Amino acid sequence: MKTAVSIPGEVFEKVERLARRARRSRSAVFSAALREYVARHTPDKVTEAMDRVCAAVNDGRDGFVTAAARRLLEGTEW
């Protein structure tokens, strides 16, 4: 899909240099950057990924670790 956006000149120049160094098109660089930005700012996807990792490595609950983690997370501002 094609779209038109306005970006600061300094950003455009940095993308241009990166695209040349990486031997990629500007479109490919912008697409990769936006894909990463969206992934980082989509909390559900981040949570799902973390849940998958935890499920893969969880071989049983440790009561002490669970309680310590809960205390730590309760004191953390999200």
C-alpha atoms as a PDB file:
ATOM      1  CA  MET A   1       0.000   0.000   0.000  1.00  0.00           C
ATOM      2  CA  LYS A   2       1.270   3.454  -0.798  1.00  0.00           C
ATOM      3  CA  THR A   3       0.849   6.392   1.529  1.00  0.00           C
ATOM      4  CA  ALA A   4       2.292   9.868   1.886  1.00  0.00           C
ATOM      5  CA  VAL A   5       3.656  11.151   5.186  1.00  0.00           C
ATOM      6  CA  SER A   6       5.683  14.160   6.227  1.00  0.00           C
ATOM      7  CA  ILE A   7       8.845  13.558   8.224  1.00  0.00           C
ATOM      8  CA  PRO A   8      11.613  15.877   9.358  1.00  0.00           C
ATOM      9  CA  GLY A   9      14.478  16.268   6.890  1.00  0.00           C
ATOM     10  CA  GLU A  10      17.046  14.980   9.385  1.00  0.00           C
ATOM     11  CA  VAL A  11      15.085  11.733   9.829  1.00  0.00           C
ATOM     12  CA  PHE A  12      14.783  11.329   6.066  1.00  0.00           C
ATOM     13  CA  GLU A  13      18.532  11.771   5.624  1.00  0.00           C
ATOM     14  CA  LYS A  14      19.304   9.202   8.334  1.00  0.00           C
ATOM     15  CA  VAL A  15      16.937   6.717   6.713  1.00  0.00           C
ATOM     16  CA  GLU A  16      18.490   7.413   3.333  1.00  0.00           C
ATOM     17  CA  ARG A  17      22.002   6.678   4.685  1.00  0.00           C
ATOM     18  CA  LEU A  18      20.826   3.567   6.509  1.00  0.00           C
ATOM     19  CA  ALA A  19      19.064   2.264   3.407  1.00  0.00           C
ATOM     20  CA  ARG A  20      22.206   2.745   1.299  1.00  0.00           C
ATOM     21  CA  ARG A  21      24.448   1.048   3.891  1.00  0.00           C
ATOM     22  CA  ALA A  22      22.029  -1.850   4.303  1.00  0.00           C
ATOM     23  CA  ARG A  23      21.369  -2.046   0.544  1.00  0.00           C
ATOM     24  CA  ARG A  24      17.658  -1.824   1.159  1.00  0.00           C
ATOM     25  CA  SER A  25      14.989   0.474  -0.177  1.00  0.00           C
ATOM     26  CA  ARG A  26      13.702   3.379   1.902  1.00  0.00           C
ATOM     27  CA  SER A  27      10.326   1.657   1.884  1.00  0.00           C
ATOM     28  CA  ALA A  28      11.857  -1.471   3.403  1.00  0.00           C
ATOM     29  CA  VAL A  29      13.566   0.581   6.124  1.00  0.00           C
ATOM     30  CA  PHE A  30      10.395   2.513   6.954  1.00  0.00           C
ATOM     31  CA  SER A  31       8.318  -0.680   6.950  1.00  0.00           C
ATOM     32  CA  ALA A  32      10.740  -2.442   9.304  1.00  0.00           C
ATOM     33  CA  ALA A  33      10.825   0.584  11.620  1.00  0.00           C
ATOM     34  CA  LEU A  34       7.048   0.854  11.761  1.00  0.00           C
ATOM     35  CA  ARG A  35       6.675  -2.895  12.267  1.00  0.00           C
ATOM     36  CA  GLU A  36       9.041  -2.720  15.248  1.00  0.00           C
ATOM     37  CA  TYR A  37       7.351   0.392  16.660  1.00  0.00           C
ATOM     38  CA  VAL A  38       3.907  -1.189  16.485  1.00  0.00           C
ATOM     39  CA  ALA A  39       5.183  -4.417  18.060  1.00  0.00           C
ATOM     40  CA  ARG A  40       6.755  -2.505  20.954  1.00  0.00           C
ATOM     41  CA  HIS A  41       3.631  -0.438  21.542  1.00  0.00           C
ATOM     42  CA  THR A  42       1.046  -3.200  21.360  1.00  0.00           C
ATOM     43  CA  PRO A  43       0.849  -4.359  24.991  1.00  0.00           C
ATOM     44  CA  ASP A  44      -1.275  -7.417  24.210  1.00  0.00           C
ATOM     45  CA  LYS A  45       1.356  -8.760  21.831  1.00  0.00           C
ATOM     46  CA  VAL A  46       4.142  -8.155  24.342  1.00  0.00           C
ATOM     47  CA  THR A  47       2.158  -9.886  27.077  1.00  0.00           C
ATOM     48  CA  GLU A  48       1.363 -12.818  24.796  1.00  0.00           C
ATOM     49  CA  ALA A  49       5.032 -13.213  23.902  1.00  0.00           C
ATOM     50  CA  MET A  50       6.068 -13.080  27.562  1.00  0.00           C
ATOM     51  CA  ASP A  51       3.373 -15.621  28.453  1.00  0.00           C
ATOM     52  CA  ARG A  52       4.669 -17.985  25.750  1.00  0.00           C
ATOM     53  CA  VAL A  53       8.218 -17.722  27.068  1.00  0.00           C
ATOM     54  CA  CYS A  54       7.113 -18.270  30.658  1.00  0.00           C
ATOM     55  CA  ALA A  55       5.029 -21.287  29.664  1.00  0.00           C
ATOM     56  CA  ALA A  56       7.969 -22.757  27.759  1.00  0.00           C
ATOM     57  CA  VAL A  57      10.426 -22.466  30.659  1.00  0.00           C
ATOM     58  CA  ASN A  58       8.059 -23.075  33.561  1.00  0.00           C
ATOM     59  CA  ASP A  59       8.627 -26.560  34.907  1.00  0.00           C
ATOM     60  CA  GLY A  60       6.766 -26.017  38.171  1.00  0.00           C
ATOM     61  CA  ARG A  61       6.075 -23.286  40.652  1.00  0.00           C
ATOM     62  CA  ASP A  62       8.430 -22.337  43.390  1.00  0.00           C
ATOM     63  CA  GLY A  63       6.473 -20.786  46.255  1.00  0.00           C
ATOM     64  CA  PHE A  64       9.325 -18.565  47.405  1.00  0.00           C
ATOM     65  CA  VAL A  65      10.016 -17.233  43.925  1.00  0.00           C
ATOM     66  CA  THR A  66       6.314 -16.625  43.291  1.00  0.00           C
ATOM     67  CA  ALA A  67       5.900 -14.685  46.536  1.00  0.00           C
ATOM     68  CA  ALA A  68       9.063 -12.651  45.945  1.00  0.00           C
ATOM     69  CA  ALA A  69       8.020 -11.787  42.410  1.00  0.00           C
ATOM     70  CA  ARG A  70       4.564 -10.763  43.566  1.00  0.00           C
ATOM     71  CA  ARG A  71       6.037  -8.438  46.233  1.00  0.00           C
ATOM     72  CA  LEU A  72       8.402  -6.928  43.688  1.00  0.00           C
ATOM     73  CA  LEU A  73       5.706  -6.406  41.058  1.00  0.00           C
ATOM     74  CA  GLU A  74       3.243  -4.909  43.543  1.00  0.00           C
ATOM     75  CA  GLY A  75       5.784  -2.191  44.273  1.00  0.00           C
ATOM     76  CA  THR A  76       6.480  -1.451  40.595  1.00  0.00           C
ATOM     77  CA  GLU A  77       4.692   1.346  38.782  1.00  0.00           C
ATOM     78  CA  TRP A  78       3.449   0.179  35.384  1.00  0.00           C
END
